[in-house]
Amino acid sequence: MKTPISILILVIICTLSHAQTKVIAHKSHSGSNHSFAKAYHHNLFEINDSNFGLGPMPYRITLLDTVVAVNDTTTLLRFRASMDYFTKEKEPDYTDLVELEFESMIDTIVNDTVFTRKKPLSIIKAIDQHRYPILFRNPIEEVVFIGFKE
């Protein structure tokens, strides 16, 4: 008599703990990759809120200090990266960044679409920082540009 009850309890626990990503759920209901892309783009079924099974990704907060145009294809970015890692839930406010410890870093970028000497400085400064893949937390007005045309 104990075996059927324990099996029933196990089935109930397994049913309640069932979890799958939005991609798997979409495909299991006869969805295709093309229709998933459309559903994701139009945020159907709150699909954009999915993290596809991944936990929060830690990242370092970066502040861009100087952008140096070496030539038409090569640009140096001098920035500071926080010593601590954060997630979106534990991200400090911009005004609290003074209390964090940072390390200086330099990155060389080649053939970049934004930081290039071929573009005037006014266009570079007008680019929406939130849409650009390299996100820096400080305003673009605080950044020093060297070797760019006004």
N, C-alpha and C. Protein backbone atom coordinates (compact mmCIF):
# COMPACT_ATOMS: atom_id res chain seq x y z
N MET A 1 0.82 -1.19 0.00
CA MET A 1 0.00 0.00 0.00
C MET A 1 0.87 1.27 0.00
N LYS A 2 2.07 1.18 0.57
CA LYS A 2 2.94 2.35 0.61
C LYS A 2 3.48 2.68 -0.78
N THR A 3 3.72 1.69 -1.62
CA THR A 3 4.30 1.92 -2.94
C THR A 3 3.38 2.76 -3.83
N PRO A 4 2.08 2.47 -3.96
CA PRO A 4 1.23 3.31 -4.82
C PRO A 4 1.12 4.75 -4.30
N ILE A 5 1.11 4.93 -2.99
CA ILE A 5 1.02 6.28 -2.44
C ILE A 5 2.30 7.05 -2.72
N SER A 6 3.45 6.41 -2.55
CA SER A 6 4.71 7.09 -2.81
C SER A 6 4.87 7.40 -4.30
N ILE A 7 4.37 6.53 -5.16
CA ILE A 7 4.43 6.80 -6.61
C ILE A 7 3.52 7.97 -6.95
N LEU A 8 2.35 8.01 -6.35
CA LEU A 8 1.42 9.12 -6.59
C LEU A 8 2.03 10.45 -6.12
N ILE A 9 2.66 10.44 -4.96
CA ILE A 9 3.31 11.66 -4.46
C ILE A 9 4.45 12.08 -5.38
N LEU A 10 5.22 11.13 -5.87
CA LEU A 10 6.32 11.42 -6.79
C LEU A 10 5.79 12.02 -8.09
N VAL A 11 4.69 11.49 -8.62
CA VAL A 11 4.11 12.02 -9.85
C VAL A 11 3.61 13.45 -9.65
N ILE A 12 2.99 13.71 -8.51
CA ILE A 12 2.50 15.06 -8.21
C ILE A 12 3.66 16.04 -8.09
N ILE A 13 4.72 15.65 -7.42
CA ILE A 13 5.89 16.53 -7.26
C ILE A 13 6.52 16.80 -8.62
N CYS A 14 6.67 15.78 -9.46
CA CYS A 14 7.27 15.96 -10.78
C CYS A 14 6.41 16.87 -11.66
N THR A 15 5.11 16.72 -11.56
CA THR A 15 4.21 17.56 -12.36
C THR A 15 4.30 19.02 -11.93
N LEU A 16 4.37 19.27 -10.64
CA LEU A 16 4.43 20.64 -10.15
C LEU A 16 5.78 21.29 -10.38
N SER A 17 6.83 20.51 -10.44
CA SER A 17 8.17 21.07 -10.62
C SER A 17 8.62 21.12 -12.07
N HIS A 18 7.71 20.89 -13.00
CA HIS A 18 8.03 20.91 -14.42
C HIS A 18 8.40 22.33 -14.85
N ALA A 19 9.56 22.47 -15.51
CA ALA A 19 9.99 23.79 -15.98
C ALA A 19 10.66 23.62 -17.33
N GLN A 20 10.47 24.62 -18.19
CA GLN A 20 11.12 24.62 -19.49
C GLN A 20 11.27 26.05 -19.96
N THR A 21 12.21 26.24 -20.86
CA THR A 21 12.42 27.58 -21.39
C THR A 21 11.31 27.91 -22.38
N LYS A 22 11.22 29.19 -22.72
CA LYS A 22 10.19 29.63 -23.67
C LYS A 22 10.40 29.00 -25.04
N VAL A 23 11.66 28.79 -25.44
CA VAL A 23 11.94 28.19 -26.74
C VAL A 23 11.40 26.77 -26.78
N ILE A 24 11.67 25.99 -25.74
CA ILE A 24 11.21 24.61 -25.70
C ILE A 24 9.68 24.57 -25.65
N ALA A 25 9.07 25.43 -24.86
CA ALA A 25 7.61 25.47 -24.79
C ALA A 25 7.02 25.83 -26.15
N HIS A 26 7.63 26.78 -26.85
CA HIS A 26 7.12 27.20 -28.16
C HIS A 26 7.22 26.05 -29.16
N LYS A 27 8.36 25.37 -29.18
CA LYS A 27 8.54 24.27 -30.12
C LYS A 27 7.67 23.07 -29.79
N SER A 28 7.40 22.85 -28.51
CA SER A 28 6.56 21.70 -28.14
C SER A 28 5.10 21.92 -28.50
N HIS A 29 4.73 23.16 -28.82
CA HIS A 29 3.36 23.46 -29.26
C HIS A 29 3.36 23.78 -30.76
N SER A 30 4.16 23.01 -31.51
CA SER A 30 4.25 23.10 -32.97
C SER A 30 4.77 24.43 -33.47
N GLY A 31 5.58 25.10 -32.69
CA GLY A 31 6.17 26.35 -33.14
C GLY A 31 7.47 26.10 -33.87
N SER A 32 7.80 26.99 -34.77
CA SER A 32 9.05 26.86 -35.52
C SER A 32 10.01 27.98 -35.10
N ASN A 33 11.25 27.89 -35.59
CA ASN A 33 12.22 28.94 -35.28
C ASN A 33 11.75 30.29 -35.84
N HIS A 34 11.16 30.27 -37.04
CA HIS A 34 10.69 31.51 -37.66
C HIS A 34 9.55 32.13 -36.84
N SER A 35 8.60 31.32 -36.43
CA SER A 35 7.47 31.87 -35.66
C SER A 35 7.92 32.30 -34.27
N PHE A 36 8.95 31.64 -33.70
CA PHE A 36 9.46 32.07 -32.40
C PHE A 36 10.13 33.43 -32.52
N ALA A 37 10.89 33.64 -33.59
CA ALA A 37 11.54 34.93 -33.79
C ALA A 37 10.49 36.04 -33.92
N LYS A 38 9.40 35.75 -34.62
CA LYS A 38 8.32 36.74 -34.77
C LYS A 38 7.66 37.00 -33.41
N ALA A 39 7.40 35.94 -32.64
CA ALA A 39 6.78 36.09 -31.32
C ALA A 39 7.70 36.87 -30.39
N TYR A 40 9.00 36.61 -30.48
CA TYR A 40 9.96 37.32 -29.64
C TYR A 40 10.03 38.80 -30.02
N HIS A 41 10.05 39.07 -31.33
CA HIS A 41 10.15 40.45 -31.81
C HIS A 41 8.93 41.27 -31.40
N HIS A 42 7.74 40.67 -31.45
CA HIS A 42 6.50 41.39 -31.11
C HIS A 42 6.08 41.19 -29.66
N ASN A 43 6.92 40.52 -28.87
CA ASN A 43 6.67 40.25 -27.44
C ASN A 43 5.31 39.59 -27.21
N LEU A 44 5.00 38.61 -28.03
CA LEU A 44 3.77 37.84 -27.83
C LEU A 44 3.96 36.89 -26.66
N PHE A 45 2.95 36.71 -25.87
CA PHE A 45 2.96 35.79 -24.73
C PHE A 45 4.02 36.16 -23.70
N GLU A 46 4.39 37.43 -23.61
CA GLU A 46 5.44 37.91 -22.69
C GLU A 46 6.73 37.12 -22.86
N ILE A 47 7.05 36.81 -24.09
CA ILE A 47 8.19 35.96 -24.38
C ILE A 47 9.52 36.68 -24.18
N ASN A 48 9.53 38.03 -24.27
CA ASN A 48 10.77 38.78 -24.08
C ASN A 48 11.25 38.75 -22.64
N ASP A 49 10.37 38.42 -21.71
CA ASP A 49 10.76 38.37 -20.31
C ASP A 49 11.52 37.10 -19.97
N SER A 50 11.67 36.22 -20.92
CA SER A 50 12.36 34.96 -20.67
C SER A 50 13.87 35.17 -20.67
N ASN A 51 14.56 34.46 -19.78
CA ASN A 51 16.01 34.50 -19.80
C ASN A 51 16.56 33.19 -20.36
N PHE A 52 15.68 32.42 -21.00
CA PHE A 52 16.05 31.18 -21.67
C PHE A 52 16.77 30.21 -20.75
N GLY A 53 16.39 30.20 -19.49
CA GLY A 53 16.94 29.25 -18.54
C GLY A 53 18.23 29.69 -17.87
N LEU A 54 18.75 30.85 -18.23
CA LEU A 54 20.00 31.31 -17.63
C LEU A 54 19.70 32.13 -16.38
N GLY A 55 20.60 32.08 -15.43
CA GLY A 55 20.49 32.91 -14.25
C GLY A 55 20.95 34.32 -14.56
N PRO A 56 20.88 35.23 -13.60
CA PRO A 56 21.36 36.60 -13.86
C PRO A 56 22.86 36.60 -14.15
N MET A 57 23.23 37.28 -15.21
CA MET A 57 24.62 37.32 -15.63
C MET A 57 25.35 38.47 -14.94
N PRO A 58 26.40 38.17 -14.20
CA PRO A 58 27.15 39.25 -13.54
C PRO A 58 27.98 40.04 -14.55
N TYR A 59 28.15 41.30 -14.29
CA TYR A 59 28.95 42.15 -15.16
C TYR A 59 29.63 43.21 -14.32
N ARG A 60 30.62 43.85 -14.92
CA ARG A 60 31.35 44.93 -14.25
C ARG A 60 30.83 46.26 -14.79
N ILE A 61 30.76 47.25 -13.94
CA ILE A 61 30.34 48.58 -14.36
C ILE A 61 31.55 49.27 -14.97
N THR A 62 31.35 49.88 -16.15
CA THR A 62 32.45 50.53 -16.85
C THR A 62 32.15 52.01 -17.05
N LEU A 63 33.20 52.82 -16.92
CA LEU A 63 33.14 54.26 -17.15
C LEU A 63 34.16 54.62 -18.23
N LEU A 64 33.71 55.19 -19.31
CA LEU A 64 34.60 55.56 -20.41
C LEU A 64 35.27 56.90 -20.09
N ASP A 65 36.61 56.93 -20.15
CA ASP A 65 37.35 58.15 -19.83
C ASP A 65 37.81 58.88 -21.09
N THR A 66 38.51 58.16 -21.99
CA THR A 66 39.12 58.79 -23.16
C THR A 66 38.96 57.91 -24.38
N VAL A 67 38.71 58.55 -25.52
CA VAL A 67 38.66 57.85 -26.81
C VAL A 67 39.70 58.52 -27.70
N VAL A 68 40.67 57.73 -28.20
CA VAL A 68 41.76 58.25 -29.01
C VAL A 68 41.69 57.62 -30.40
N ALA A 69 41.56 58.45 -31.42
CA ALA A 69 41.57 57.97 -32.80
C ALA A 69 43.01 57.87 -33.26
N VAL A 70 43.53 56.66 -33.42
CA VAL A 70 44.91 56.45 -33.85
C VAL A 70 45.03 56.71 -35.35
N ASN A 71 44.11 56.11 -36.13
CA ASN A 71 44.03 56.37 -37.57
C ASN A 71 42.57 56.15 -37.99
N ASP A 72 42.32 56.02 -39.29
CA ASP A 72 40.94 55.89 -39.76
C ASP A 72 40.27 54.58 -39.36
N THR A 73 41.04 53.58 -39.00
CA THR A 73 40.44 52.28 -38.67
C THR A 73 40.63 51.86 -37.22
N THR A 74 41.59 52.44 -36.52
CA THR A 74 41.93 52.00 -35.17
C THR A 74 41.63 53.09 -34.15
N THR A 75 40.98 52.67 -33.06
CA THR A 75 40.64 53.60 -31.98
C THR A 75 40.97 52.94 -30.65
N LEU A 76 41.49 53.73 -29.72
CA LEU A 76 41.78 53.24 -28.36
C LEU A 76 40.71 53.76 -27.41
N LEU A 77 40.20 52.88 -26.57
CA LEU A 77 39.25 53.26 -25.53
C LEU A 77 39.94 53.09 -24.19
N ARG A 78 40.03 54.17 -23.42
CA ARG A 78 40.58 54.10 -22.06
C ARG A 78 39.39 54.22 -21.13
N PHE A 79 39.18 53.20 -20.31
CA PHE A 79 38.03 53.18 -19.42
C PHE A 79 38.39 52.57 -18.09
N ARG A 80 37.48 52.70 -17.14
CA ARG A 80 37.63 52.09 -15.82
C ARG A 80 36.54 51.04 -15.64
N ALA A 81 36.93 49.89 -15.10
CA ALA A 81 35.97 48.81 -14.83
C ALA A 81 35.94 48.55 -13.33
N SER A 82 34.75 48.36 -12.80
CA SER A 82 34.62 48.13 -11.36
C SER A 82 35.28 46.81 -10.97
N MET A 83 35.82 46.78 -9.77
CA MET A 83 36.46 45.56 -9.27
C MET A 83 35.40 44.51 -8.91
N ASP A 84 34.21 44.97 -8.54
CA ASP A 84 33.13 44.06 -8.15
C ASP A 84 32.23 43.78 -9.35
N TYR A 85 31.55 42.62 -9.28
CA TYR A 85 30.59 42.23 -10.30
C TYR A 85 29.18 42.49 -9.77
N PHE A 86 28.27 42.86 -10.68
CA PHE A 86 26.90 43.18 -10.31
C PHE A 86 25.93 42.46 -11.23
N THR A 87 24.67 42.41 -10.81
CA THR A 87 23.58 41.97 -11.66
C THR A 87 22.60 43.13 -11.74
N LYS A 88 21.62 43.03 -12.62
CA LYS A 88 20.64 44.12 -12.77
C LYS A 88 19.91 44.38 -11.46
N GLU A 89 19.70 43.34 -10.66
CA GLU A 89 18.98 43.50 -9.40
C GLU A 89 19.82 44.23 -8.35
N LYS A 90 21.14 44.10 -8.41
CA LYS A 90 22.03 44.67 -7.39
C LYS A 90 22.90 45.79 -7.94
N GLU A 91 22.47 46.41 -9.02
CA GLU A 91 23.26 47.45 -9.66
C GLU A 91 23.16 48.76 -8.88
N PRO A 92 24.30 49.38 -8.56
CA PRO A 92 24.24 50.65 -7.83
C PRO A 92 23.81 51.80 -8.74
N ASP A 93 23.30 52.85 -8.15
CA ASP A 93 22.93 54.04 -8.88
C ASP A 93 24.19 54.76 -9.35
N TYR A 94 24.08 55.56 -10.39
CA TYR A 94 25.25 56.27 -10.94
C TYR A 94 25.90 57.15 -9.88
N THR A 95 25.12 57.76 -9.01
CA THR A 95 25.68 58.64 -7.99
C THR A 95 26.47 57.87 -6.93
N ASP A 96 26.22 56.58 -6.79
CA ASP A 96 26.93 55.76 -5.80
C ASP A 96 28.22 55.16 -6.35
N LEU A 97 28.56 55.42 -7.60
CA LEU A 97 29.73 54.80 -8.21
C LEU A 97 31.04 55.33 -7.64
N VAL A 98 31.02 56.49 -7.02
CA VAL A 98 32.24 57.07 -6.46
C VAL A 98 32.82 56.17 -5.38
N GLU A 99 31.97 55.44 -4.67
CA GLU A 99 32.42 54.59 -3.58
C GLU A 99 33.03 53.28 -4.07
N LEU A 100 32.86 52.93 -5.34
CA LEU A 100 33.38 51.67 -5.86
C LEU A 100 34.86 51.78 -6.21
N GLU A 101 35.54 50.65 -6.19
CA GLU A 101 36.93 50.58 -6.63
C GLU A 101 36.95 50.21 -8.10
N PHE A 102 37.78 50.92 -8.88
CA PHE A 102 37.89 50.67 -10.31
C PHE A 102 39.33 50.36 -10.69
N GLU A 103 39.49 49.63 -11.78
CA GLU A 103 40.81 49.43 -12.36
C GLU A 103 40.81 50.01 -13.77
N SER A 104 41.90 50.65 -14.16
CA SER A 104 42.01 51.26 -15.49
C SER A 104 42.30 50.19 -16.52
N MET A 105 41.67 50.36 -17.69
CA MET A 105 41.85 49.40 -18.77
C MET A 105 41.92 50.16 -20.10
N ILE A 106 42.56 49.55 -21.08
CA ILE A 106 42.63 50.11 -22.44
C ILE A 106 42.22 49.00 -23.40
N ASP A 107 41.37 49.37 -24.36
CA ASP A 107 40.92 48.41 -25.35
C ASP A 107 41.14 49.01 -26.74
N THR A 108 41.63 48.21 -27.67
CA THR A 108 41.82 48.64 -29.04
C THR A 108 40.69 48.10 -29.88
N ILE A 109 40.01 48.99 -30.61
CA ILE A 109 38.94 48.54 -31.49
C ILE A 109 39.31 48.91 -32.92
N VAL A 110 38.99 48.03 -33.84
CA VAL A 110 39.33 48.22 -35.24
C VAL A 110 38.05 48.19 -36.07
N ASN A 111 37.94 49.12 -37.01
CA ASN A 111 36.79 49.21 -37.91
C ASN A 111 35.47 49.27 -37.14
N ASP A 112 35.41 50.08 -36.11
CA ASP A 112 34.20 50.23 -35.33
C ASP A 112 33.22 51.14 -36.07
N THR A 113 31.93 50.88 -35.90
CA THR A 113 30.92 51.68 -36.60
C THR A 113 30.63 52.99 -35.90
N VAL A 114 30.97 53.11 -34.62
CA VAL A 114 30.66 54.32 -33.86
C VAL A 114 31.91 55.16 -33.64
N PHE A 115 32.90 54.59 -32.96
CA PHE A 115 34.11 55.34 -32.62
C PHE A 115 35.11 55.26 -33.78
N THR A 116 34.90 56.08 -34.78
CA THR A 116 35.79 56.13 -35.92
C THR A 116 36.10 57.58 -36.26
N ARG A 117 37.30 57.83 -36.72
CA ARG A 117 37.72 59.18 -37.08
C ARG A 117 36.94 59.70 -38.28
N LYS A 118 36.34 58.80 -39.05
CA LYS A 118 35.60 59.19 -40.24
C LYS A 118 34.30 59.92 -39.91
N LYS A 119 33.79 59.76 -38.70
CA LYS A 119 32.55 60.43 -38.29
C LYS A 119 32.88 61.70 -37.51
N PRO A 120 32.07 62.75 -37.70
CA PRO A 120 32.27 63.95 -36.89
C PRO A 120 31.94 63.68 -35.42
N LEU A 121 32.59 64.41 -34.55
CA LEU A 121 32.41 64.22 -33.11
C LEU A 121 30.96 64.47 -32.68
N SER A 122 30.28 65.39 -33.33
CA SER A 122 28.88 65.67 -32.97
C SER A 122 27.99 64.46 -33.21
N ILE A 123 28.24 63.69 -34.25
CA ILE A 123 27.45 62.48 -34.52
C ILE A 123 27.80 61.38 -33.52
N ILE A 124 29.07 61.25 -33.18
CA ILE A 124 29.48 60.23 -32.20
C ILE A 124 28.82 60.51 -30.86
N LYS A 125 28.80 61.76 -30.45
CA LYS A 125 28.21 62.11 -29.15
C LYS A 125 26.68 61.99 -29.15
N ALA A 126 26.06 62.03 -30.33
CA ALA A 126 24.61 61.95 -30.42
C ALA A 126 24.08 60.52 -30.42
N ILE A 127 24.97 59.54 -30.50
CA ILE A 127 24.54 58.14 -30.56
C ILE A 127 23.97 57.72 -29.21
N ASP A 128 22.85 57.00 -29.26
CA ASP A 128 22.19 56.52 -28.05
C ASP A 128 23.05 55.44 -27.40
N GLN A 129 23.58 55.73 -26.21
CA GLN A 129 24.47 54.80 -25.52
C GLN A 129 23.79 53.48 -25.19
N HIS A 130 22.50 53.48 -24.94
CA HIS A 130 21.81 52.27 -24.50
C HIS A 130 21.63 51.27 -25.64
N ARG A 131 21.73 51.72 -26.87
CA ARG A 131 21.58 50.81 -28.00
C ARG A 131 22.92 50.29 -28.50
N TYR A 132 24.00 50.94 -28.08
CA TYR A 132 25.32 50.53 -28.53
C TYR A 132 25.80 49.37 -27.67
N PRO A 133 26.39 48.34 -28.25
CA PRO A 133 26.74 47.14 -27.48
C PRO A 133 27.74 47.36 -26.35
N ILE A 134 28.66 48.32 -26.50
CA ILE A 134 29.60 48.58 -25.41
C ILE A 134 28.97 49.64 -24.53
N LEU A 135 28.44 49.23 -23.40
CA LEU A 135 27.72 50.16 -22.54
C LEU A 135 28.65 50.75 -21.49
N PHE A 136 28.67 52.06 -21.43
CA PHE A 136 29.40 52.77 -20.40
C PHE A 136 28.39 53.57 -19.59
N ARG A 137 28.60 53.63 -18.29
CA ARG A 137 27.61 54.23 -17.41
C ARG A 137 27.67 55.75 -17.36
N ASN A 138 28.80 56.35 -17.66
CA ASN A 138 28.89 57.80 -17.53
C ASN A 138 28.35 58.50 -18.78
N PRO A 139 27.90 59.75 -18.63
CA PRO A 139 27.41 60.51 -19.79
C PRO A 139 28.53 60.76 -20.79
N ILE A 140 28.18 60.82 -22.05
CA ILE A 140 29.16 61.00 -23.12
C ILE A 140 29.85 62.37 -23.02
N GLU A 141 29.22 63.33 -22.35
CA GLU A 141 29.81 64.66 -22.19
C GLU A 141 31.05 64.62 -21.30
N GLU A 142 31.19 63.62 -20.46
CA GLU A 142 32.34 63.49 -19.57
C GLU A 142 33.55 62.84 -20.25
N VAL A 143 33.37 62.33 -21.46
CA VAL A 143 34.42 61.61 -22.17
C VAL A 143 35.30 62.58 -22.95
N VAL A 144 36.63 62.36 -22.91
CA VAL A 144 37.58 63.18 -23.66
C VAL A 144 37.86 62.48 -24.99
N PHE A 145 37.69 63.20 -26.09
CA PHE A 145 37.94 62.67 -27.44
C PHE A 145 39.18 63.32 -28.00
N ILE A 146 40.12 62.49 -28.48
CA ILE A 146 41.38 62.99 -29.04
C ILE A 146 41.51 62.47 -30.47
N GLY A 147 41.80 63.37 -31.40
CA GLY A 147 42.03 62.97 -32.80
C GLY A 147 40.78 62.89 -33.63
N PHE A 148 39.67 63.45 -33.19
CA PHE A 148 38.42 63.43 -33.94
C PHE A 148 38.13 64.82 -34.52
N LYS A 149 37.39 64.86 -35.65
CA LYS A 149 37.00 66.13 -36.26
C LYS A 149 35.79 66.68 -35.53
N GLU A 150 35.73 67.98 -35.38
CA GLU A 150 34.56 68.63 -34.76
C GLU A 150 33.51 68.67 -35.77
